[in-house]
C-alpha atoms as a PDB file:
ATOM      1  CA  UNK A   1      10.634  13.497 -18.983  1.00  0.00           C
ATOM      2  CA  UNK A   2      13.704  15.606 -19.672  1.00  0.00           C
ATOM      3  CA  UNK A   3      15.274  12.559 -21.318  1.00  0.00           C
ATOM      4  CA  UNK A   4      12.285  11.812 -23.533  1.00  0.00           C
ATOM      5  CA  UNK A   5       9.868   9.873 -21.350  1.00  0.00           C
ATOM      6  CA  UNK A   6       6.197  10.517 -21.881  1.00  0.00           C
ATOM      7  CA  UNK A   7       4.011  11.629 -18.980  1.00  0.00           C
ATOM      8  CA  UNK A   8       2.186   8.280 -19.066  1.00  0.00           C
ATOM      9  CA  UNK A   9       5.541   6.473 -18.686  1.00  0.00           C
ATOM     10  CA  UNK A  10       6.387   8.527 -15.601  1.00  0.00           C
ATOM     11  CA  UNK A  11       3.006   7.847 -13.994  1.00  0.00           C
ATOM     12  CA  UNK A  12       3.282   4.132 -14.793  1.00  0.00           C
ATOM     13  CA  UNK A  13       6.749   3.999 -13.247  1.00  0.00           C
ATOM     14  CA  UNK A  14       5.587   5.702 -10.048  1.00  0.00           C
ATOM     15  CA  UNK A  15       2.575   3.404  -9.682  1.00  0.00           C
ATOM     16  CA  UNK A  16       4.577   0.280 -10.533  1.00  0.00           C
ATOM     17  CA  UNK A  17       7.187   1.027  -7.857  1.00  0.00           C
ATOM     18  CA  UNK A  18       4.470   1.873  -5.333  1.00  0.00           C
ATOM     19  CA  UNK A  19       2.622  -1.360  -6.134  1.00  0.00           C
ATOM     20  CA  UNK A  20       5.726  -3.464  -5.572  1.00  0.00           C
ATOM     21  CA  UNK A  21       6.343  -1.888  -2.162  1.00  0.00           C
ATOM     22  CA  UNK A  22       2.666  -2.090  -1.321  1.00  0.00           C
ATOM     23  CA  UNK A  23       2.346  -5.793  -2.135  1.00  0.00           C
ATOM     24  CA  UNK A  24       5.477  -6.604  -0.148  1.00  0.00           C
ATOM     25  CA  UNK A  25       4.160  -4.672   2.835  1.00  0.00           C
ATOM     26  CA  UNK A  26       0.729  -6.267   2.622  1.00  0.00           C
ATOM     27  CA  UNK A  27       2.152  -9.784   2.460  1.00  0.00           C
ATOM     28  CA  UNK A  28       4.546  -9.256   5.358  1.00  0.00           C
ATOM     29  CA  UNK A  29       1.993  -7.351   7.441  1.00  0.00           C
ATOM     30  CA  UNK A  30      -0.813  -9.847   6.911  1.00  0.00           C
ATOM     31  CA  UNK A  31       1.467 -12.772   7.735  1.00  0.00           C
ATOM     32  CA  UNK A  32       2.710 -11.116  10.914  1.00  0.00           C
ATOM     33  CA  UNK A  33      -0.833 -10.115  11.922  1.00  0.00           C
ATOM     34  CA  UNK A  34      -2.115 -13.680  11.540  1.00  0.00           C
ATOM     35  CA  UNK A  35       0.824 -15.074  13.488  1.00  0.00           C
ATOM     36  CA  UNK A  36       0.434 -12.465  16.227  1.00  0.00           C
ATOM     37  CA  UNK A  37      -3.301 -13.128  16.506  1.00  0.00           C
ATOM     38  CA  UNK A  38      -2.725 -16.851  16.861  1.00  0.00           C
ATOM     39  CA  UNK A  39       0.044 -16.303  19.387  1.00  0.00           C
ATOM     40  CA  UNK A  40      -2.100 -13.986  21.486  1.00  0.00           C
ATOM     41  CA  UNK A  41      -5.086 -16.330  21.235  1.00  0.00           C
ATOM     42  CA  UNK A  42      -2.906 -19.158  22.568  1.00  0.00           C
ATOM     43  CA  UNK A  43      -1.907 -17.034  25.566  1.00  0.00           C
ATOM     44  CA  UNK A  44      -5.328 -15.606  26.349  1.00  0.00           C
ATOM     45  CA  UNK A  45      -8.738 -16.970  25.432  1.00  0.00           C
ATOM     46  CA  UNK A  46     -10.318 -13.492  25.464  1.00  0.00           C
ATOM     47  CA  UNK A  47      -8.252 -12.252  22.493  1.00  0.00           C
ATOM     48  CA  UNK A  48     -10.349 -14.214  20.033  1.00  0.00           C
ATOM     49  CA  UNK A  49     -13.603 -12.921  21.532  1.00  0.00           C
ATOM     50  CA  UNK A  50     -12.942  -9.179  21.510  1.00  0.00           C
ATOM     51  CA  UNK A  51     -15.984  -8.397  19.405  1.00  0.00           C
ATOM     52  CA  UNK A  52     -18.661 -10.171  17.411  1.00  0.00           C
ATOM     53  CA  UNK A  53     -16.299 -10.769  14.496  1.00  0.00           C
ATOM     54  CA  UNK A  54     -13.337 -13.063  14.787  1.00  0.00           C
ATOM     55  CA  UNK A  55      -9.975 -11.565  13.855  1.00  0.00           C
ATOM     56  CA  UNK A  56      -9.390 -14.580  11.615  1.00  0.00           C
ATOM     57  CA  UNK A  57     -12.503 -13.775   9.578  1.00  0.00           C
ATOM     58  CA  UNK A  58     -11.602 -13.848   5.859  1.00  0.00           C
ATOM     59  CA  UNK A  59     -13.478 -10.592   5.262  1.00  0.00           C
ATOM     60  CA  UNK A  60     -11.220  -8.820   7.745  1.00  0.00           C
ATOM     61  CA  UNK A  61      -8.030 -10.551   6.590  1.00  0.00           C
ATOM     62  CA  UNK A  62      -8.693  -9.667   2.937  1.00  0.00           C
ATOM     63  CA  UNK A  63     -10.749  -6.491   3.307  1.00  0.00           C
ATOM     64  CA  UNK A  64      -8.449  -4.453   5.534  1.00  0.00           C
ATOM     65  CA  UNK A  65      -5.302  -4.880   3.394  1.00  0.00           C
ATOM     66  CA  UNK A  66      -7.353  -4.313   0.250  1.00  0.00           C
ATOM     67  CA  UNK A  67      -8.774  -1.061   1.603  1.00  0.00           C
ATOM     68  CA  UNK A  68      -5.349   0.129   2.756  1.00  0.00           C
ATOM     69  CA  UNK A  69      -3.873  -0.886  -0.601  1.00  0.00           C
ATOM     70  CA  UNK A  70      -6.405   1.150  -2.549  1.00  0.00           C
ATOM     71  CA  UNK A  71      -5.804   4.163  -0.309  1.00  0.00           C
ATOM     72  CA  UNK A  72      -2.025   3.798  -0.650  1.00  0.00           C
ATOM     73  CA  UNK A  73      -2.232   3.601  -4.448  1.00  0.00           C
ATOM     74  CA  UNK A  74      -4.399   6.708  -4.471  1.00  0.00           C
ATOM     75  CA  UNK A  75      -1.848   8.420  -2.217  1.00  0.00           C
ATOM     76  CA  UNK A  76       0.859   7.537  -4.771  1.00  0.00           C
ATOM     77  CA  UNK A  77      -1.278   8.458  -7.774  1.00  0.00           C
ATOM     78  CA  UNK A  78      -1.821  12.074  -6.710  1.00  0.00           C
ATOM     79  CA  UNK A  79       1.902  13.040  -6.488  1.00  0.00           C
ATOM     80  CA  UNK A  80       2.641  10.917  -9.551  1.00  0.00           C
ATOM     81  CA  UNK A  81      -0.003  12.796 -11.509  1.00  0.00           C
ATOM     82  CA  UNK A  82       1.426  16.117 -10.320  1.00  0.00           C
ATOM     83  CA  UNK A  83       4.892  15.066 -11.430  1.00  0.00           C
ATOM     84  CA  UNK A  84       3.603  14.545 -14.972  1.00  0.00           C
ATOM     85  CA  UNK A  85       2.406  18.160 -15.081  1.00  0.00           C
ATOM     86  CA  UNK A  86       5.796  19.535 -14.021  1.00  0.00           C
ATOM     87  CA  UNK A  87       7.945  21.192 -16.676  1.00  0.00           C
ATOM     88  CA  UNK A  88      11.198  19.197 -17.012  1.00  0.00           C
ATOM     89  CA  UNK A  89      13.341  22.315 -17.434  1.00  0.00           C
ATOM     90  CA  UNK A  90      11.967  23.834 -14.238  1.00  0.00           C
ATOM     91  CA  UNK A  91      12.775  20.640 -12.348  1.00  0.00           C
ATOM     92  CA  UNK A  92      16.312  20.529 -13.758  1.00  0.00           C
ATOM     93  CA  UNK A  93      16.950  24.145 -12.793  1.00  0.00           C
ATOM     94  CA  UNK A  94      16.042  23.416  -9.172  1.00  0.00           C
ATOM     95  CA  UNK A  95      18.342  20.385  -8.927  1.00  0.00           C
END
């Protein structure tokens, strides 16, 4: 903002960077979770029957990362919003 960026540009930048990290983490985590579940199910037949829902249920595979993604974006939005309210000169003095 000290170099001329608008507050909306700063917030967009913070959320865009968070989204890129978030999507990468969700893709890697979901892939590893599916592979681990299949590997454990091959070793033990009780892994697939832990509860009434299967761990390969599409609602769980899509819903859990979606919920965590929304919470992570909210967790990035709050500090990003606070950074738009900060006076640029005050921030530069503390650096």
